[in-house]
Amino acid sequence: MTCELDVQVVPRASKAGVAGTRNGSVLVRLAAAPVDGAANAELVQTLARALGLPRRAIAITAGATSRRKRVRIEGLVRDEAFRKLGLGA
């Protein structure tokens, strides 16, 4: 089971976490600045924690240097990932 999600990140937020959806993408706020991969690492950690998966199950497949990213999630189907993120299906 694998799914891919479009994610839009907001770096330098006061608190990290999933904040809903925006323009069809999952909106994730990150406390880290987009420097030296810190925001990408926090994105993977935040999604892994929210989904109850190990960090190795989350991979950024596109947009590593952009606010809009594509993330592959191993072990879940799309509807289950959305449910665990509190977004419905």
Protein backbone atom coordinates (compact mmCIF):
# COMPACT_ATOMS: atom_id res chain seq x y z
CA MET A 1 0.00 0.00 0.00
CA THR A 2 1.39 3.33 -1.07
CA CYS A 3 -0.11 6.74 -1.69
CA GLU A 4 1.15 10.13 -2.76
CA LEU A 5 -0.10 13.42 -1.37
CA ASP A 6 0.39 16.97 -2.56
CA VAL A 7 1.58 19.04 0.39
CA GLN A 8 1.95 22.79 0.82
CA VAL A 9 4.25 23.83 3.65
CA VAL A 10 4.35 27.06 5.64
CA PRO A 11 7.85 27.37 7.14
CA ARG A 12 8.67 29.45 10.23
CA ALA A 13 5.21 28.93 11.75
CA SER A 14 4.80 29.28 15.50
CA LYS A 15 3.75 25.64 15.83
CA ALA A 16 4.24 22.59 13.58
CA GLY A 17 1.29 20.46 12.51
CA VAL A 18 -1.28 19.63 9.85
CA ALA A 19 -3.52 22.65 9.32
CA GLY A 20 -6.12 21.42 6.85
CA THR A 21 -6.13 21.72 3.07
CA ARG A 22 -5.44 24.54 0.64
CA ASN A 23 -6.03 24.37 -3.13
CA GLY A 24 -6.27 20.57 -3.05
CA SER A 25 -3.04 20.13 -1.07
CA VAL A 26 -2.52 19.14 2.55
CA LEU A 27 -1.39 22.26 4.43
CA VAL A 28 1.40 21.62 6.94
CA ARG A 29 2.82 24.36 9.15
CA LEU A 30 6.48 23.94 10.16
CA ALA A 31 8.44 25.75 12.85
CA ALA A 32 11.75 25.17 11.03
CA ALA A 33 13.19 27.60 8.52
CA PRO A 34 13.78 26.33 4.98
CA VAL A 35 17.55 26.16 5.47
CA ASP A 36 19.83 23.13 5.02
CA GLY A 37 16.88 20.76 4.72
CA ALA A 38 15.57 21.52 8.21
CA ALA A 39 12.02 22.17 7.01
CA ASN A 40 11.98 18.97 4.92
CA ALA A 41 13.19 16.94 7.89
CA GLU A 42 10.51 18.49 10.10
CA LEU A 43 7.86 17.81 7.43
CA VAL A 44 8.76 14.11 7.36
CA GLN A 45 8.78 13.95 11.17
CA THR A 46 5.46 15.81 11.48
CA LEU A 47 3.70 13.61 8.93
CA ALA A 48 5.16 10.42 10.43
CA ARG A 49 3.95 11.40 13.90
CA ALA A 50 0.47 12.38 12.65
CA LEU A 51 0.11 9.16 10.63
CA GLY A 52 1.58 6.85 13.27
CA LEU A 53 4.30 5.64 10.90
CA PRO A 54 8.10 5.50 11.10
CA ARG A 55 9.96 8.34 9.36
CA ARG A 56 11.36 5.88 6.81
CA ALA A 57 7.79 5.37 5.48
CA ILE A 58 7.60 9.03 4.35
CA ALA A 59 9.57 10.35 1.37
CA ILE A 60 9.54 13.68 -0.48
CA THR A 61 9.38 12.72 -4.16
CA ALA A 62 9.08 16.20 -5.71
CA GLY A 63 9.51 19.81 -4.63
CA ALA A 64 12.37 19.44 -2.16
CA THR A 65 13.21 23.14 -2.56
CA SER A 66 9.64 24.38 -2.99
CA ARG A 67 6.73 25.08 -0.66
CA ARG A 68 4.61 22.73 -2.78
CA LYS A 69 5.78 19.14 -2.46
CA ARG A 70 4.71 15.63 -3.39
CA VAL A 71 5.10 13.12 -0.57
CA ARG A 72 5.01 9.32 -0.87
CA ILE A 73 3.61 7.42 2.10
CA GLU A 74 4.30 3.69 2.43
CA GLY A 75 1.80 1.56 4.33
CA LEU A 76 -1.38 3.59 3.86
CA VAL A 77 -3.91 4.25 1.14
CA ARG A 78 -4.96 7.84 0.44
CA ASP A 79 -8.31 7.73 2.27
CA GLU A 80 -6.71 6.24 5.38
CA ALA A 81 -3.94 8.88 5.32
CA PHE A 82 -6.50 11.69 5.08
CA ARG A 83 -8.51 10.18 7.92
CA LYS A 84 -5.44 9.92 10.18
CA LEU A 85 -4.52 13.51 9.35
CA GLY A 86 -8.01 14.58 10.44
CA LEU A 87 -9.01 15.74 6.96
CA GLY A 88 -11.78 13.30 6.03
CA ALA A 89 -11.46 11.54 2.67
